[in-house]
PDB file of all heavy atoms in Angstrom:
ATOM      1  N   GLY A   1     -83.049  81.080 -19.461  1.00  0.00           N
ATOM      2  CA  GLY A   1     -84.262  81.064 -20.321  1.00  0.00           C
ATOM      3  C   GLY A   1     -83.991  81.547 -21.706  1.00  0.00           C
ATOM      4  O   GLY A   1     -84.846  81.361 -22.575  1.00  0.00           O
ATOM      5  N   GLN A   2     -82.862  82.275 -21.940  1.00  0.00           N
ATOM      6  CA  GLN A   2     -82.560  82.766 -23.261  1.00  0.00           C
ATOM      7  C   GLN A   2     -81.587  81.765 -23.939  1.00  0.00           C
ATOM      8  O   GLN A   2     -81.237  82.009 -25.119  1.00  0.00           O
ATOM      9  CB  GLN A   2     -81.975  84.173 -23.193  1.00  0.00           C
ATOM     10  CG  GLN A   2     -82.986  85.234 -22.888  1.00  0.00           C
ATOM     11  CD  GLN A   2     -83.954  85.502 -24.041  1.00  0.00           C
ATOM     12  OE1 GLN A   2     -83.884  84.878 -25.090  1.00  0.00           O
ATOM     13  NE2 GLN A   2     -84.934  86.406 -23.797  1.00  0.00           N
ATOM     14  N   SER A   3     -81.145  80.728 -23.281  1.00  0.00           N
ATOM     15  CA  SER A   3     -80.160  79.831 -23.868  1.00  0.00           C
ATOM     16  C   SER A   3     -80.847  78.898 -24.867  1.00  0.00           C
ATOM     17  O   SER A   3     -81.916  78.297 -24.566  1.00  0.00           O
ATOM     18  CB  SER A   3     -79.552  78.976 -22.721  1.00  0.00           C
ATOM     19  OG  SER A   3     -79.215  77.700 -23.128  1.00  0.00           O
ATOM     20  N   ARG A   4     -80.262  78.743 -26.024  1.00  0.00           N
ATOM     21  CA  ARG A   4     -80.848  77.952 -27.096  1.00  0.00           C
ATOM     22  C   ARG A   4     -81.068  76.496 -26.666  1.00  0.00           C
ATOM     23  O   ARG A   4     -82.031  75.860 -26.988  1.00  0.00           O
ATOM     24  CB  ARG A   4     -79.932  77.988 -28.328  1.00  0.00           C
ATOM     25  CG  ARG A   4     -80.592  77.442 -29.599  1.00  0.00           C
ATOM     26  CD  ARG A   4     -79.724  77.613 -30.760  1.00  0.00           C
ATOM     27  NE  ARG A   4     -79.502  79.037 -31.110  1.00  0.00           N
ATOM     28  CZ  ARG A   4     -78.644  79.474 -32.060  1.00  0.00           C
ATOM     29  NH1 ARG A   4     -77.896  78.565 -32.706  1.00  0.00           N
ATOM     30  NH2 ARG A   4     -78.468  80.717 -32.307  1.00  0.00           N
ATOM     31  N   GLU A   5     -80.108  75.974 -25.853  1.00  0.00           N
ATOM     32  CA  GLU A   5     -80.174  74.593 -25.435  1.00  0.00           C
ATOM     33  C   GLU A   5     -81.355  74.294 -24.491  1.00  0.00           C
ATOM     34  O   GLU A   5     -81.950  73.237 -24.508  1.00  0.00           O
ATOM     35  CB  GLU A   5     -78.907  74.205 -24.661  1.00  0.00           C
ATOM     36  CG  GLU A   5     -78.810  72.769 -24.205  1.00  0.00           C
ATOM     37  CD  GLU A   5     -77.682  72.493 -23.276  1.00  0.00           C
ATOM     38  OE1 GLU A   5     -76.789  73.318 -23.062  1.00  0.00           O
ATOM     39  OE2 GLU A   5     -77.727  71.408 -22.656  1.00  0.00           O
ATOM     40  N   HIS A   6     -81.721  75.317 -23.718  1.00  0.00           N
ATOM     41  CA  HIS A   6     -82.778  75.119 -22.678  1.00  0.00           C
ATOM     42  C   HIS A   6     -84.120  75.695 -23.028  1.00  0.00           C
ATOM     43  O   HIS A   6     -85.158  75.231 -22.428  1.00  0.00           O
ATOM     44  CB  HIS A   6     -82.290  75.660 -21.326  1.00  0.00           C
ATOM     45  CG  HIS A   6     -81.010  74.964 -20.885  1.00  0.00           C
ATOM     46  ND1 HIS A   6     -80.982  73.683 -20.422  1.00  0.00           N
ATOM     47  CD2 HIS A   6     -79.728  75.383 -20.844  1.00  0.00           C
ATOM     48  CE1 HIS A   6     -79.747  73.346 -20.115  1.00  0.00           C
ATOM     49  NE2 HIS A   6     -78.961  74.357 -20.386  1.00  0.00           N
ATOM     50  N   ARG A   7     -84.159  76.648 -23.875  1.00  0.00           N
ATOM     51  CA  ARG A   7     -85.411  77.310 -24.166  1.00  0.00           C
ATOM     52  C   ARG A   7     -86.409  76.351 -24.858  1.00  0.00           C
ATOM     53  O   ARG A   7     -86.049  75.649 -25.805  1.00  0.00           O
ATOM     54  CB  ARG A   7     -85.154  78.531 -25.092  1.00  0.00           C
ATOM     55  CG  ARG A   7     -86.354  79.422 -25.242  1.00  0.00           C
ATOM     56  CD  ARG A   7     -86.028  80.676 -26.048  1.00  0.00           C
ATOM     57  NE  ARG A   7     -87.170  81.538 -26.210  1.00  0.00           N
ATOM     58  CZ  ARG A   7     -87.527  82.432 -25.296  1.00  0.00           C
ATOM     59  NH1 ARG A   7     -86.775  82.627 -24.181  1.00  0.00           N
ATOM     60  NH2 ARG A   7     -88.598  83.216 -25.475  1.00  0.00           N
ATOM     61  N   GLU A   8     -87.594  76.325 -24.267  1.00  0.00           N
ATOM     62  CA  GLU A   8     -88.669  75.407 -24.811  1.00  0.00           C
ATOM     63  C   GLU A   8     -88.205  73.998 -24.956  1.00  0.00           C
ATOM     64  O   GLU A   8     -88.492  73.265 -25.950  1.00  0.00           O
ATOM     65  CB  GLU A   8     -89.282  76.016 -26.058  1.00  0.00           C
ATOM     66  CG  GLU A   8     -89.968  77.346 -25.697  1.00  0.00           C
ATOM     67  CD  GLU A   8     -90.742  78.012 -26.765  1.00  0.00           C
ATOM     68  OE1 GLU A   8     -90.411  77.840 -27.993  1.00  0.00           O
ATOM     69  OE2 GLU A   8     -91.768  78.719 -26.483  1.00  0.00           O
ATOM     70  N   ALA A   9     -87.428  73.490 -23.951  1.00  0.00           N
ATOM     71  CA  ALA A   9     -86.800  72.159 -24.021  1.00  0.00           C
ATOM     72  C   ALA A   9     -87.376  71.226 -22.998  1.00  0.00           C
ATOM     73  O   ALA A   9     -87.028  70.004 -22.998  1.00  0.00           O
ATOM     74  CB  ALA A   9     -85.289  72.272 -23.818  1.00  0.00           C
ATOM     75  N   TYR A  10     -88.275  71.696 -22.144  1.00  0.00           N
ATOM     76  CA  TYR A  10     -88.678  70.868 -20.985  1.00  0.00           C
ATOM     77  C   TYR A  10     -90.195  70.487 -21.050  1.00  0.00           C
ATOM     78  O   TYR A  10     -90.952  71.361 -21.367  1.00  0.00           O
ATOM     79  CB  TYR A  10     -88.349  71.524 -19.691  1.00  0.00           C
ATOM     80  CG  TYR A  10     -86.861  71.695 -19.489  1.00  0.00           C
ATOM     81  CD1 TYR A  10     -86.203  72.832 -19.880  1.00  0.00           C
ATOM     82  CD2 TYR A  10     -86.121  70.616 -18.988  1.00  0.00           C
ATOM     83  CE1 TYR A  10     -84.845  72.969 -19.741  1.00  0.00           C
ATOM     84  CE2 TYR A  10     -84.690  70.747 -18.858  1.00  0.00           C
ATOM     85  CZ  TYR A  10     -84.094  71.914 -19.252  1.00  0.00           C
ATOM     86  OH  TYR A  10     -82.707  72.020 -19.136  1.00  0.00           O
ATOM     87  N   ASP A  11     -90.486  69.272 -20.669  1.00  0.00           N
ATOM     88  CA  ASP A  11     -91.918  68.834 -20.565  1.00  0.00           C
ATOM     89  C   ASP A  11     -92.625  69.542 -19.409  1.00  0.00           C
ATOM     90  O   ASP A  11     -93.775  69.859 -19.473  1.00  0.00           O
ATOM     91  CB  ASP A  11     -91.972  67.320 -20.335  1.00  0.00           C
ATOM     92  CG  ASP A  11     -91.340  66.540 -21.453  1.00  0.00           C
ATOM     93  OD1 ASP A  11     -91.779  66.642 -22.598  1.00  0.00           O
ATOM     94  OD2 ASP A  11     -90.298  65.907 -21.197  1.00  0.00           O
ATOM     95  N   VAL A  12     -91.833  69.705 -18.313  1.00  0.00           N
ATOM     96  CA  VAL A  12     -92.357  70.311 -17.092  1.00  0.00           C
ATOM     97  C   VAL A  12     -91.338  71.258 -16.500  1.00  0.00           C
ATOM     98  O   VAL A  12     -90.175  70.945 -16.469  1.00  0.00           O
ATOM     99  CB  VAL A  12     -92.677  69.204 -16.028  1.00  0.00           C
ATOM    100  CG1 VAL A  12     -93.119  69.807 -14.676  1.00  0.00           C
ATOM    101  CG2 VAL A  12     -93.769  68.295 -16.516  1.00  0.00           C
ATOM    102  N   VAL A  13     -91.822  72.414 -16.070  1.00  0.00           N
ATOM    103  CA  VAL A  13     -90.918  73.319 -15.321  1.00  0.00           C
ATOM    104  C   VAL A  13     -91.662  73.559 -13.966  1.00  0.00           C
ATOM    105  O   VAL A  13     -92.860  73.859 -13.938  1.00  0.00           O
ATOM    106  CB  VAL A  13     -90.699  74.631 -16.079  1.00  0.00           C
ATOM    107  CG1 VAL A  13     -89.882  75.605 -15.200  1.00  0.00           C
ATOM    108  CG2 VAL A  13     -89.976  74.369 -17.363  1.00  0.00           C
ATOM    109  N   THR A  14     -90.892  73.436 -12.897  1.00  0.00           N
ATOM    110  CA  THR A  14     -91.483  73.636 -11.540  1.00  0.00           C
ATOM    111  C   THR A  14     -90.770  74.819 -10.885  1.00  0.00           C
ATOM    112  O   THR A  14     -89.638  75.122 -11.132  1.00  0.00           O
ATOM    113  CB  THR A  14     -91.274  72.407 -10.674  1.00  0.00           C
ATOM    114  OG1 THR A  14     -89.892  72.160 -10.529  1.00  0.00           O
ATOM    115  CG2 THR A  14     -91.969  71.145 -11.203  1.00  0.00           C
ATOM    116  N   ALA A  15     -91.517  75.394  -9.945  1.00  0.00           N
ATOM    117  CA  ALA A  15     -90.947  76.456  -9.084  1.00  0.00           C
ATOM    118  C   ALA A  15     -91.795  76.464  -7.822  1.00  0.00           C
ATOM    119  O   ALA A  15     -93.004  76.380  -7.878  1.00  0.00           O
ATOM    120  CB  ALA A  15     -90.930  77.828  -9.765  1.00  0.00           C
ATOM    121  N   ARG A  16     -91.107  76.573  -6.670  1.00  0.00           N
ATOM    122  CA  ARG A  16     -91.804  76.584  -5.400  1.00  0.00           C
ATOM    123  C   ARG A  16     -91.370  77.799  -4.585  1.00  0.00           C
ATOM    124  O   ARG A  16     -90.249  77.923  -4.203  1.00  0.00           O
ATOM    125  CB  ARG A  16     -91.432  75.305  -4.628  1.00  0.00           C
ATOM    126  CG  ARG A  16     -91.953  75.166  -3.214  1.00  0.00           C
ATOM    127  CD  ARG A  16     -91.490  73.784  -2.693  1.00  0.00           C
ATOM    128  NE  ARG A  16     -91.837  73.578  -1.314  1.00  0.00           N
ATOM    129  CZ  ARG A  16     -90.948  73.681  -0.319  1.00  0.00           C
ATOM    130  NH1 ARG A  16     -89.721  73.977  -0.622  1.00  0.00           N
ATOM    131  NH2 ARG A  16     -91.308  73.479   0.899  1.00  0.00           N
ATOM    132  N   ALA A  17     -92.274  78.706  -4.423  1.00  0.00           N
ATOM    133  CA  ALA A  17     -92.071  79.919  -3.557  1.00  0.00           C
ATOM    134  C   ALA A  17     -90.798  80.721  -3.907  1.00  0.00           C
ATOM    135  O   ALA A  17     -90.148  81.194  -3.034  1.00  0.00           O
ATOM    136  CB  ALA A  17     -92.009  79.423  -2.116  1.00  0.00           C
ATOM    137  N   VAL A  18     -90.495  80.825  -5.194  1.00  0.00           N
ATOM    138  CA  VAL A  18     -89.329  81.547  -5.631  1.00  0.00           C
ATOM    139  C   VAL A  18     -89.589  83.038  -5.720  1.00  0.00           C
ATOM    140  O   VAL A  18     -88.783  83.909  -5.233  1.00  0.00           O
ATOM    141  CB  VAL A  18     -88.807  80.991  -6.980  1.00  0.00           C
ATOM    142  CG1 VAL A  18     -87.606  81.838  -7.464  1.00  0.00           C
ATOM    143  CG2 VAL A  18     -88.366  79.528  -6.844  1.00  0.00           C
ATOM    144  N   ALA A  19     -90.719  83.400  -6.377  1.00  0.00           N
ATOM    145  CA  ALA A  19     -91.035  84.829  -6.580  1.00  0.00           C
ATOM    146  C   ALA A  19     -92.586  84.869  -6.814  1.00  0.00           C
ATOM    147  O   ALA A  19     -93.230  83.866  -6.936  1.00  0.00           O
ATOM    148  CB  ALA A  19     -90.314  85.347  -7.826  1.00  0.00           C
ATOM    149  N   ARG A  20     -93.092  86.118  -6.903  1.00  0.00           N
ATOM    150  CA  ARG A  20     -94.557  86.146  -7.141  1.00  0.00           C
ATOM    151  C   ARG A  20     -94.836  85.661  -8.587  1.00  0.00           C
ATOM    152  O   ARG A  20     -94.006  85.600  -9.475  1.00  0.00           O
ATOM    153  CB  ARG A  20     -95.060  87.537  -6.884  1.00  0.00           C
ATOM    154  CG  ARG A  20     -94.552  88.650  -7.699  1.00  0.00           C
ATOM    155  CD  ARG A  20     -95.039  89.956  -7.022  1.00  0.00           C
ATOM    156  NE  ARG A  20     -94.640  91.137  -7.774  1.00  0.00           N
ATOM    157  CZ  ARG A  20     -93.472  91.756  -7.665  1.00  0.00           C
ATOM    158  NH1 ARG A  20     -92.495  91.240  -6.932  1.00  0.00           N
ATOM    159  NH2 ARG A  20     -93.221  92.838  -8.360  1.00  0.00           N
ATOM    160  N   MET A  21     -96.094  85.330  -8.797  1.00  0.00           N
ATOM    161  CA  MET A  21     -96.535  84.613  -9.967  1.00  0.00           C
ATOM    162  C   MET A  21     -96.183  85.286 -11.300  1.00  0.00           C
ATOM    163  O   MET A  21     -95.702  84.602 -12.237  1.00  0.00           O
ATOM    164  CB  MET A  21     -98.057  84.356  -9.908  1.00  0.00           C
ATOM    165  CG  MET A  21     -98.585  83.333 -10.828  1.00  0.00           C
ATOM    166  SD  MET A  21     -97.978  81.684 -10.352  1.00  0.00           S
ATOM    167  CE  MET A  21     -98.384  80.859 -11.876  1.00  0.00           C
ATOM    168  N   SER A  22     -96.349  86.591 -11.312  1.00  0.00           N
ATOM    169  CA  SER A  22     -96.072  87.285 -12.582  1.00  0.00           C
ATOM    170  C   SER A  22     -94.542  87.157 -12.953  1.00  0.00           C
ATOM    171  O   SER A  22     -94.183  87.034 -14.138  1.00  0.00           O
ATOM    172  CB  SER A  22     -96.428  88.748 -12.455  1.00  0.00           C
ATOM    173  OG  SER A  22     -95.916  89.338 -11.306  1.00  0.00           O
ATOM    174  N   VAL A  23     -93.712  87.212 -11.952  1.00  0.00           N
ATOM    175  CA  VAL A  23     -92.284  87.074 -12.145  1.00  0.00           C
ATOM    176  C   VAL A  23     -91.893  85.664 -12.507  1.00  0.00           C
ATOM    177  O   VAL A  23     -91.158  85.377 -13.463  1.00  0.00           O
ATOM    178  CB  VAL A  23     -91.450  87.555 -10.886  1.00  0.00           C
ATOM    179  CG1 VAL A  23     -89.953  87.412 -11.115  1.00  0.00           C
ATOM    180  CG2 VAL A  23     -91.846  89.008 -10.558  1.00  0.00           C
ATOM    181  N   LEU A  24     -92.435  84.718 -11.735  1.00  0.00           N
ATOM    182  CA  LEU A  24     -92.164  83.277 -12.012  1.00  0.00           C
ATOM    183  C   LEU A  24     -92.499  82.868 -13.403  1.00  0.00           C
ATOM    184  O   LEU A  24     -91.791  82.128 -14.048  1.00  0.00           O
ATOM    185  CB  LEU A  24     -93.020  82.423 -11.029  1.00  0.00           C
ATOM    186  CG  LEU A  24     -92.400  81.961  -9.744  1.00  0.00           C
ATOM    187  CD1 LEU A  24     -93.314  80.861  -9.148  1.00  0.00           C
ATOM    188  CD2 LEU A  24     -91.007  81.392  -9.985  1.00  0.00           C
ATOM    189  N   THR A  25     -93.648  83.366 -13.845  1.00  0.00           N
ATOM    190  CA  THR A  25     -94.148  83.021 -15.205  1.00  0.00           C
ATOM    191  C   THR A  25     -93.105  83.454 -16.279  1.00  0.00           C
ATOM    192  O   THR A  25     -92.865  82.689 -17.189  1.00  0.00           O
ATOM    193  CB  THR A  25     -95.539  83.694 -15.485  1.00  0.00           C
ATOM    194  OG1 THR A  25     -96.408  83.191 -14.527  1.00  0.00           O
ATOM    195  CG2 THR A  25     -96.057  83.390 -16.852  1.00  0.00           C
ATOM    196  N   GLU A  26     -92.567  84.620 -16.119  1.00  0.00           N
ATOM    197  CA  GLU A  26     -91.568  85.122 -17.104  1.00  0.00           C
ATOM    198  C   GLU A  26     -90.302  84.275 -17.048  1.00  0.00           C
ATOM    199  O   GLU A  26     -89.659  84.067 -18.090  1.00  0.00           O
ATOM    200  CB  GLU A  26     -91.256  86.601 -16.838  1.00  0.00           C
ATOM    201  CG  GLU A  26     -90.232  87.097 -17.808  1.00  0.00           C
ATOM    202  CD  GLU A  26     -90.060  88.656 -17.776  1.00  0.00           C
ATOM    203  OE1 GLU A  26     -90.763  89.354 -17.029  1.00  0.00           O
ATOM    204  OE2 GLU A  26     -89.124  89.155 -18.426  1.00  0.00           O
ATOM    205  N   LEU A  27     -89.938  83.797 -15.883  1.00  0.00           N
ATOM    206  CA  LEU A  27     -88.726  82.981 -15.731  1.00  0.00           C
ATOM    207  C   LEU A  27     -88.953  81.525 -16.236  1.00  0.00           C
ATOM    208  O   LEU A  27     -88.025  80.899 -16.719  1.00  0.00           O
ATOM    209  CB  LEU A  27     -88.271  82.959 -14.290  1.00  0.00           C
ATOM    210  CG  LEU A  27     -87.921  84.264 -13.627  1.00  0.00           C
ATOM    211  CD1 LEU A  27     -87.512  84.116 -12.177  1.00  0.00           C
ATOM    212  CD2 LEU A  27     -86.844  85.032 -14.427  1.00  0.00           C
ATOM    213  N   CYS A  28     -90.177  81.010 -16.019  1.00  0.00           N
ATOM    214  CA  CYS A  28     -90.405  79.589 -16.251  1.00  0.00           C
ATOM    215  C   CYS A  28     -91.044  79.193 -17.597  1.00  0.00           C
ATOM    216  O   CYS A  28     -90.655  78.265 -18.243  1.00  0.00           O
ATOM    217  CB  CYS A  28     -91.272  78.998 -15.145  1.00  0.00           C
ATOM    218  SG  CYS A  28     -90.471  79.076 -13.515  1.00  0.00           S
ATOM    219  N   LEU A  29     -92.055  79.939 -18.032  1.00  0.00           N
ATOM    220  CA  LEU A  29     -92.762  79.556 -19.260  1.00  0.00           C
ATOM    221  C   LEU A  29     -91.873  79.504 -20.508  1.00  0.00           C
ATOM    222  O   LEU A  29     -92.080  78.608 -21.340  1.00  0.00           O
ATOM    223  CB  LEU A  29     -93.974  80.460 -19.505  1.00  0.00           C
ATOM    224  CG  LEU A  29     -95.325  79.854 -19.029  1.00  0.00           C
ATOM    225  CD1 LEU A  29     -96.439  80.898 -19.363  1.00  0.00           C
ATOM    226  CD2 LEU A  29     -95.641  78.552 -19.608  1.00  0.00           C
ATOM    227  N   PRO A  30     -90.902  80.360 -20.690  1.00  0.00           N
ATOM    228  CA  PRO A  30     -90.028  80.224 -21.865  1.00  0.00           C
ATOM    229  C   PRO A  30     -89.267  78.905 -21.915  1.00  0.00           C
ATOM    230  O   PRO A  30     -88.791  78.471 -22.993  1.00  0.00           O
ATOM    231  CB  PRO A  30     -89.046  81.430 -21.736  1.00  0.00           C
ATOM    232  CG  PRO A  30     -89.806  82.452 -20.972  1.00  0.00           C
ATOM    233  CD  PRO A  30     -90.592  81.630 -19.957  1.00  0.00           C
ATOM    234  N   LEU A  31     -89.134  78.218 -20.791  1.00  0.00           N
ATOM    235  CA  LEU A  31     -88.394  76.983 -20.800  1.00  0.00           C
ATOM    236  C   LEU A  31     -89.280  75.767 -21.141  1.00  0.00           C
ATOM    237  O   LEU A  31     -88.772  74.704 -21.416  1.00  0.00           O
ATOM    238  CB  LEU A  31     -87.819  76.717 -19.340  1.00  0.00           C
ATOM    239  CG  LEU A  31     -86.813  77.735 -18.870  1.00  0.00           C
ATOM    240  CD1 LEU A  31     -86.537  77.577 -17.390  1.00  0.00           C
ATOM    241  CD2 LEU A  31     -85.486  77.599 -19.650  1.00  0.00           C
ATOM    242  N   VAL A  32     -90.586  75.963 -21.109  1.00  0.00           N
ATOM    243  CA  VAL A  32     -91.532  74.861 -21.285  1.00  0.00           C
ATOM    244  C   VAL A  32     -91.816  74.622 -22.761  1.00  0.00           C
ATOM    245  O   VAL A  32     -91.980  75.534 -23.544  1.00  0.00           O
ATOM    246  CB  VAL A  32     -92.919  75.145 -20.602  1.00  0.00           C
ATOM    247  CG1 VAL A  32     -93.874  73.983 -20.720  1.00  0.00           C
ATOM    248  CG2 VAL A  32     -92.706  75.475 -19.124  1.00  0.00           C
ATOM    249  N   LYS A  33     -91.781  73.330 -23.189  1.00  0.00           N
ATOM    250  CA  LYS A  33     -92.134  72.967 -24.530  1.00  0.00           C
ATOM    251  C   LYS A  33     -93.583  73.315 -24.794  1.00  0.00           C
ATOM    252  O   LYS A  33     -94.406  73.274 -23.861  1.00  0.00           O
ATOM    253  CB  LYS A  33     -92.033  71.447 -24.708  1.00  0.00           C
ATOM    254  CG  LYS A  33     -90.730  70.830 -24.782  1.00  0.00           C
ATOM    255  CD  LYS A  33     -90.843  69.297 -24.904  1.00  0.00           C
ATOM    256  CE  LYS A  33     -89.468  68.626 -24.942  1.00  0.00           C
ATOM    257  NZ  LYS A  33     -89.633  67.157 -24.874  1.00  0.00           N
ATOM    258  N   ILE A  34     -93.923  73.572 -26.073  1.00  0.00           N
ATOM    259  CA  ILE A  34     -95.319  73.724 -26.441  1.00  0.00           C
ATOM    260  C   ILE A  34     -96.037  72.402 -26.106  1.00  0.00           C
ATOM    261  O   ILE A  34     -95.552  71.334 -26.514  1.00  0.00           O
ATOM    262  CB  ILE A  34     -95.510  74.149 -27.869  1.00  0.00           C
ATOM    263  CG1 ILE A  34     -94.970  75.583 -28.052  1.00  0.00           C
ATOM    264  CG2 ILE A  34     -96.996  74.122 -28.313  1.00  0.00           C
ATOM    265  CD1 ILE A  34     -94.965  76.110 -29.408  1.00  0.00           C
ATOM    266  N   GLY A  35     -97.126  72.464 -25.370  1.00  0.00           N
ATOM    267  CA  GLY A  35     -97.817  71.280 -24.923  1.00  0.00           C
ATOM    268  C   GLY A  35     -97.370  70.765 -23.540  1.00  0.00           C
ATOM    269  O   GLY A  35     -97.954  69.845 -22.996  1.00  0.00           O
ATOM    270  N   GLY A  36     -96.311  71.375 -23.044  1.00  0.00           N
ATOM    271  CA  GLY A  36     -95.810  71.038 -21.740  1.00  0.00           C
ATOM    272  C   GLY A  36     -96.504  71.813 -20.626  1.00  0.00           C
ATOM    273  O   GLY A  36     -97.485  72.581 -20.870  1.00  0.00           O
ATOM    274  N   THR A  37     -96.013  71.657 -19.397  1.00  0.00           N
ATOM    275  CA  THR A  37     -96.683  72.205 -18.209  1.00  0.00           C
ATOM    276  C   THR A  37     -95.745  72.948 -17.289  1.00  0.00           C
ATOM    277  O   THR A  37     -94.714  72.456 -16.955  1.00  0.00           O
ATOM    278  CB  THR A  37     -97.409  71.072 -17.405  1.00  0.00           C
ATOM    279  OG1 THR A  37     -98.221  70.335 -18.295  1.00  0.00           O
ATOM    280  CG2 THR A  37     -98.179  71.623 -16.257  1.00  0.00           C
ATOM    281  N   PHE A  38     -96.161  74.102 -16.899  1.00  0.00           N
ATOM    282  CA  PHE A  38     -95.506  74.897 -15.821  1.00  0.00           C
ATOM    283  C   PHE A  38     -96.268  74.638 -14.532  1.00  0.00           C
ATOM    284  O   PHE A  38     -97.487  74.888 -14.486  1.00  0.00           O
ATOM    285  CB  PHE A  38     -95.472  76.380 -16.238  1.00  0.00           C
ATOM    286  CG  PHE A  38     -95.130  77.307 -15.108  1.00  0.00           C
ATOM    287  CD1 PHE A  38     -94.234  77.009 -14.080  1.00  0.00           C
ATOM    288  CD2 PHE A  38     -95.793  78.562 -15.011  1.00  0.00           C
ATOM    289  CE1 PHE A  38     -93.905  77.883 -13.049  1.00  0.00           C
ATOM    290  CE2 PHE A  38     -95.448  79.463 -14.023  1.00  0.00           C
ATOM    291  CZ  PHE A  38     -94.538  79.132 -12.996  1.00  0.00           C
ATOM    292  N   ILE A  39     -95.609  74.104 -13.523  1.00  0.00           N
ATOM    293  CA  ILE A  39     -96.249  73.779 -12.244  1.00  0.00           C
ATOM    294  C   ILE A  39     -95.777  74.785 -11.235  1.00  0.00           C
ATOM    295  O   ILE A  39     -94.598  74.775 -10.840  1.00  0.00           O
ATOM    296  CB  ILE A  39     -95.994  72.371 -11.775  1.00  0.00           C
ATOM    297  CG1 ILE A  39     -96.455  71.329 -12.790  1.00  0.00           C
ATOM    298  CG2 ILE A  39     -96.642  72.121 -10.383  1.00  0.00           C
ATOM    299  CD1 ILE A  39     -96.083  69.856 -12.447  1.00  0.00           C
ATOM    300  N   ALA A  40     -96.665  75.705 -10.826  1.00  0.00           N
ATOM    301  CA  ALA A  40     -96.319  76.704  -9.802  1.00  0.00           C
ATOM    302  C   ALA A  40     -96.897  76.277  -8.457  1.00  0.00           C
ATOM    303  O   ALA A  40     -98.112  75.997  -8.338  1.00  0.00           O
ATOM    304  CB  ALA A  40     -96.912  78.086 -10.252  1.00  0.00           C
ATOM    305  N   MET A  41     -96.018  76.231  -7.468  1.00  0.00           N
ATOM    306  CA  MET A  41     -96.411  75.826  -6.126  1.00  0.00           C
ATOM    307  C   MET A  41     -96.420  77.048  -5.230  1.00  0.00           C
ATOM    308  O   MET A  41     -95.408  77.694  -5.049  1.00  0.00           O
ATOM    309  CB  MET A  41     -95.468  74.731  -5.627  1.00  0.00           C
ATOM    310  CG  MET A  41     -95.372  73.510  -6.574  1.00  0.00           C
ATOM    311  SD  MET A  41     -94.256  72.232  -6.000  1.00  0.00           S
ATOM    312  CE  MET A  41     -95.208  71.554  -4.642  1.00  0.00           C
ATOM    313  N   LYS A  42     -97.595  77.346  -4.652  1.00  0.00           N
ATOM    314  CA  LYS A  42     -97.760  78.563  -3.926  1.00  0.00           C
ATOM    315  C   LYS A  42     -98.420  78.376  -2.583  1.00  0.00           C
ATOM    316  O   LYS A  42     -99.102  77.379  -2.370  1.00  0.00           O
ATOM    317  CB  LYS A  42     -98.677  79.518  -4.793  1.00  0.00           C
ATOM    318  CG  LYS A  42     -97.905  80.064  -5.955  1.00  0.00           C
ATOM    319  CD  LYS A  42     -97.046  81.195  -5.546  1.00  0.00           C
ATOM    320  CE  LYS A  42     -96.077  81.697  -6.579  1.00  0.00           C
ATOM    321  NZ  LYS A  42     -95.141  82.593  -5.996  1.00  0.00           N
TER     322      LYS A  42
END
């Protein structure tokens, strides 16, 4: 998530049952483009 190539580079980031929501959000939202979507499956 700190890599220049991948940070804010994705239209959609998904995660399914990886960690609790507060943790997942920190791992996933930095990868999402502005206007994109983080899909959390719980």
